[in-house]
Amino acid sequence: GAKFVHMVYCFARYVMMEHMKKLSVGTGMPFAAAVMWRPEDMYIAKARHRVAYSKLLHILQRKDFVTQEYKKKAQ
């Protein structure tokens, strides 16, 4: 449900932040500056976000459907 999706989002955000911290070490760019960095083309950034969001939503909906079908068959 919604709580699970929120938990997955929070976990993915945490993993991404840790990955960004690791990548920013030794580059001369502090982590705060790396987080605040804006892409050159916002249209492409928004398009990538929409694609990633729709893929994640599709995967979660499919998993939910399979789980519900499994529960129905188990009864």
N, C-alpha and C. Protein backbone atom coordinates (compact mmCIF):
# COMPACT_ATOMS: atom_id res chain seq x y z
N GLY A 1 0.80 -1.19 0.00
CA GLY A 1 0.00 0.00 0.00
C GLY A 1 0.85 1.25 0.00
N ALA A 2 0.24 2.30 0.41
CA ALA A 2 0.89 3.62 0.40
C ALA A 2 2.08 3.68 1.37
N LYS A 3 1.95 3.03 2.52
CA LYS A 3 3.05 3.04 3.49
C LYS A 3 4.28 2.33 2.93
N PHE A 4 4.05 1.22 2.23
CA PHE A 4 5.17 0.47 1.64
C PHE A 4 5.86 1.31 0.57
N VAL A 5 5.07 1.95 -0.28
CA VAL A 5 5.65 2.78 -1.34
C VAL A 5 6.46 3.91 -0.73
N HIS A 6 5.95 4.52 0.34
CA HIS A 6 6.69 5.60 1.01
C HIS A 6 7.98 5.06 1.61
N MET A 7 7.93 3.88 2.21
CA MET A 7 9.13 3.28 2.79
C MET A 7 10.18 2.99 1.71
N VAL A 8 9.74 2.46 0.57
CA VAL A 8 10.66 2.19 -0.53
C VAL A 8 11.27 3.49 -1.04
N TYR A 9 10.44 4.53 -1.14
CA TYR A 9 10.94 5.84 -1.58
C TYR A 9 12.00 6.36 -0.61
N CYS A 10 11.72 6.28 0.67
CA CYS A 10 12.69 6.78 1.66
C CYS A 10 13.99 5.99 1.60
N PHE A 11 13.87 4.68 1.45
CA PHE A 11 15.07 3.85 1.36
C PHE A 11 15.87 4.18 0.10
N ALA A 12 15.19 4.33 -1.04
CA ALA A 12 15.88 4.66 -2.29
C ALA A 12 16.56 6.02 -2.17
N ARG A 13 15.89 6.97 -1.53
CA ARG A 13 16.49 8.30 -1.35
C ARG A 13 17.74 8.21 -0.47
N TYR A 14 17.66 7.42 0.60
CA TYR A 14 18.81 7.24 1.49
C TYR A 14 19.99 6.62 0.73
N VAL A 15 19.71 5.58 -0.04
CA VAL A 15 20.77 4.91 -0.80
C VAL A 15 21.40 5.87 -1.79
N MET A 16 20.58 6.66 -2.46
CA MET A 16 21.10 7.60 -3.44
C MET A 16 21.95 8.68 -2.78
N MET A 17 21.52 9.16 -1.62
CA MET A 17 22.30 10.18 -0.91
C MET A 17 23.65 9.62 -0.49
N GLU A 18 23.67 8.38 0.02
CA GLU A 18 24.93 7.76 0.42
C GLU A 18 25.84 7.55 -0.79
N HIS A 19 25.25 7.15 -1.91
CA HIS A 19 26.02 6.96 -3.13
C HIS A 19 26.62 8.29 -3.60
N MET A 20 25.84 9.35 -3.52
CA MET A 20 26.34 10.67 -3.91
C MET A 20 27.46 11.13 -2.97
N LYS A 21 27.32 10.85 -1.68
CA LYS A 21 28.38 11.21 -0.74
C LYS A 21 29.68 10.50 -1.10
N LYS A 22 29.57 9.22 -1.42
CA LYS A 22 30.75 8.43 -1.77
C LYS A 22 31.39 8.95 -3.06
N LEU A 23 30.56 9.32 -4.04
CA LEU A 23 31.10 9.80 -5.31
C LEU A 23 31.73 11.18 -5.20
N SER A 24 31.27 11.98 -4.24
CA SER A 24 31.79 13.35 -4.13
C SER A 24 33.11 13.42 -3.38
N VAL A 25 33.53 12.32 -2.74
CA VAL A 25 34.79 12.32 -2.00
C VAL A 25 35.95 12.40 -3.00
N GLY A 26 36.84 13.34 -2.77
CA GLY A 26 38.03 13.48 -3.60
C GLY A 26 37.82 14.25 -4.89
N THR A 27 36.63 14.78 -5.13
CA THR A 27 36.39 15.53 -6.36
C THR A 27 36.62 17.02 -6.17
N GLY A 28 36.78 17.45 -4.94
CA GLY A 28 36.95 18.87 -4.69
C GLY A 28 35.61 19.60 -4.61
N MET A 29 34.52 18.87 -4.81
CA MET A 29 33.19 19.47 -4.72
C MET A 29 32.53 18.94 -3.45
N PRO A 30 32.20 19.82 -2.52
CA PRO A 30 31.55 19.34 -1.30
C PRO A 30 30.20 18.70 -1.59
N PHE A 31 29.78 17.82 -0.72
CA PHE A 31 28.53 17.08 -0.93
C PHE A 31 27.34 18.02 -1.04
N ALA A 32 27.29 19.07 -0.23
CA ALA A 32 26.17 20.01 -0.28
C ALA A 32 26.06 20.65 -1.66
N ALA A 33 27.20 20.98 -2.26
CA ALA A 33 27.18 21.58 -3.59
C ALA A 33 26.72 20.56 -4.63
N ALA A 34 27.11 19.31 -4.45
CA ALA A 34 26.70 18.27 -5.38
C ALA A 34 25.19 18.04 -5.32
N VAL A 35 24.61 18.14 -4.12
CA VAL A 35 23.17 17.94 -3.98
C VAL A 35 22.40 19.10 -4.60
N MET A 36 22.93 20.29 -4.47
CA MET A 36 22.23 21.47 -4.98
C MET A 36 22.46 21.69 -6.48
N TRP A 37 23.33 20.90 -7.08
CA TRP A 37 23.64 21.03 -8.50
C TRP A 37 22.40 20.80 -9.33
N ARG A 38 22.18 21.65 -10.33
CA ARG A 38 21.02 21.52 -11.20
C ARG A 38 21.48 21.04 -12.56
N PRO A 39 20.73 20.14 -13.17
CA PRO A 39 21.12 19.68 -14.50
C PRO A 39 21.03 20.81 -15.52
N GLU A 40 21.81 20.68 -16.59
CA GLU A 40 21.83 21.73 -17.60
C GLU A 40 20.50 21.83 -18.33
N ASP A 41 19.89 20.71 -18.60
CA ASP A 41 18.63 20.70 -19.34
C ASP A 41 17.53 20.14 -18.43
N MET A 42 16.70 21.00 -17.89
CA MET A 42 15.66 20.56 -16.97
C MET A 42 14.61 19.70 -17.67
N TYR A 43 14.40 19.90 -18.95
CA TYR A 43 13.43 19.09 -19.68
C TYR A 43 13.85 17.62 -19.67
N ILE A 44 15.13 17.36 -19.93
CA ILE A 44 15.62 15.98 -19.92
C ILE A 44 15.56 15.41 -18.51
N ALA A 45 15.91 16.22 -17.50
CA ALA A 45 15.86 15.75 -16.12
C ALA A 45 14.43 15.38 -15.73
N LYS A 46 13.47 16.20 -16.12
CA LYS A 46 12.07 15.90 -15.79
C LYS A 46 11.59 14.68 -16.55
N ALA A 47 12.02 14.52 -17.80
CA ALA A 47 11.64 13.34 -18.58
C ALA A 47 12.19 12.07 -17.94
N ARG A 48 13.44 12.12 -17.49
CA ARG A 48 14.04 10.95 -16.82
C ARG A 48 13.29 10.64 -15.53
N HIS A 49 12.91 11.68 -14.81
CA HIS A 49 12.15 11.48 -13.57
C HIS A 49 10.82 10.80 -13.86
N ARG A 50 10.11 11.27 -14.90
CA ARG A 50 8.82 10.67 -15.25
C ARG A 50 8.97 9.21 -15.65
N VAL A 51 10.01 8.89 -16.41
CA VAL A 51 10.24 7.51 -16.83
C VAL A 51 10.54 6.63 -15.62
N ALA A 52 11.43 7.09 -14.75
CA ALA A 52 11.79 6.31 -13.56
C ALA A 52 10.58 6.13 -12.65
N TYR A 53 9.80 7.20 -12.48
CA TYR A 53 8.62 7.13 -11.62
C TYR A 53 7.60 6.14 -12.17
N SER A 54 7.36 6.20 -13.48
CA SER A 54 6.36 5.30 -14.07
C SER A 54 6.83 3.86 -14.03
N LYS A 55 8.13 3.62 -14.22
CA LYS A 55 8.66 2.25 -14.14
C LYS A 55 8.50 1.71 -12.72
N LEU A 56 8.86 2.51 -11.72
CA LEU A 56 8.73 2.08 -10.33
C LEU A 56 7.27 1.80 -10.00
N LEU A 57 6.37 2.68 -10.42
CA LEU A 57 4.95 2.49 -10.17
C LEU A 57 4.45 1.21 -10.83
N HIS A 58 4.87 0.96 -12.05
CA HIS A 58 4.45 -0.24 -12.77
C HIS A 58 4.94 -1.50 -12.05
N ILE A 59 6.19 -1.49 -11.61
CA ILE A 59 6.75 -2.64 -10.90
C ILE A 59 5.99 -2.89 -9.60
N LEU A 60 5.71 -1.83 -8.85
CA LEU A 60 5.00 -2.00 -7.58
C LEU A 60 3.56 -2.47 -7.80
N GLN A 61 2.90 -1.98 -8.84
CA GLN A 61 1.54 -2.42 -9.12
C GLN A 61 1.53 -3.89 -9.54
N ARG A 62 2.50 -4.29 -10.34
CA ARG A 62 2.57 -5.68 -10.77
C ARG A 62 2.84 -6.61 -9.58
N LYS A 63 3.74 -6.19 -8.69
CA LYS A 63 4.04 -6.98 -7.51
C LYS A 63 2.80 -7.11 -6.63
N ASP A 64 2.07 -6.02 -6.46
CA ASP A 64 0.84 -6.05 -5.68
C ASP A 64 -0.18 -6.99 -6.30
N PHE A 65 -0.32 -6.95 -7.62
CA PHE A 65 -1.26 -7.82 -8.32
C PHE A 65 -0.88 -9.29 -8.12
N VAL A 66 0.41 -9.60 -8.29
CA VAL A 66 0.87 -10.98 -8.12
C VAL A 66 0.64 -11.45 -6.69
N THR A 67 0.90 -10.58 -5.73
CA THR A 67 0.69 -10.94 -4.33
C THR A 67 -0.78 -11.21 -4.05
N GLN A 68 -1.67 -10.38 -4.58
CA GLN A 68 -3.11 -10.58 -4.38
C GLN A 68 -3.57 -11.87 -5.03
N GLU A 69 -3.09 -12.17 -6.23
CA GLU A 69 -3.45 -13.41 -6.91
C GLU A 69 -2.94 -14.61 -6.14
N TYR A 70 -1.76 -14.53 -5.59
CA TYR A 70 -1.19 -15.61 -4.81
C TYR A 70 -2.03 -15.87 -3.56
N LYS A 71 -2.46 -14.79 -2.91
CA LYS A 71 -3.30 -14.92 -1.72
C LYS A 71 -4.64 -15.56 -2.06
N LYS A 72 -5.23 -15.17 -3.20
CA LYS A 72 -6.51 -15.76 -3.63
C LYS A 72 -6.37 -17.25 -3.88
N LYS A 73 -5.29 -17.63 -4.55
CA LYS A 73 -5.07 -19.06 -4.85
C LYS A 73 -4.72 -19.86 -3.61
N ALA A 74 -4.09 -19.22 -2.64
CA ALA A 74 -3.71 -19.91 -1.42
C ALA A 74 -4.95 -20.23 -0.56
N GLN A 75 -6.00 -19.45 -0.72
CA GLN A 75 -7.23 -19.71 0.05
C GLN A 75 -7.94 -20.81 -0.62
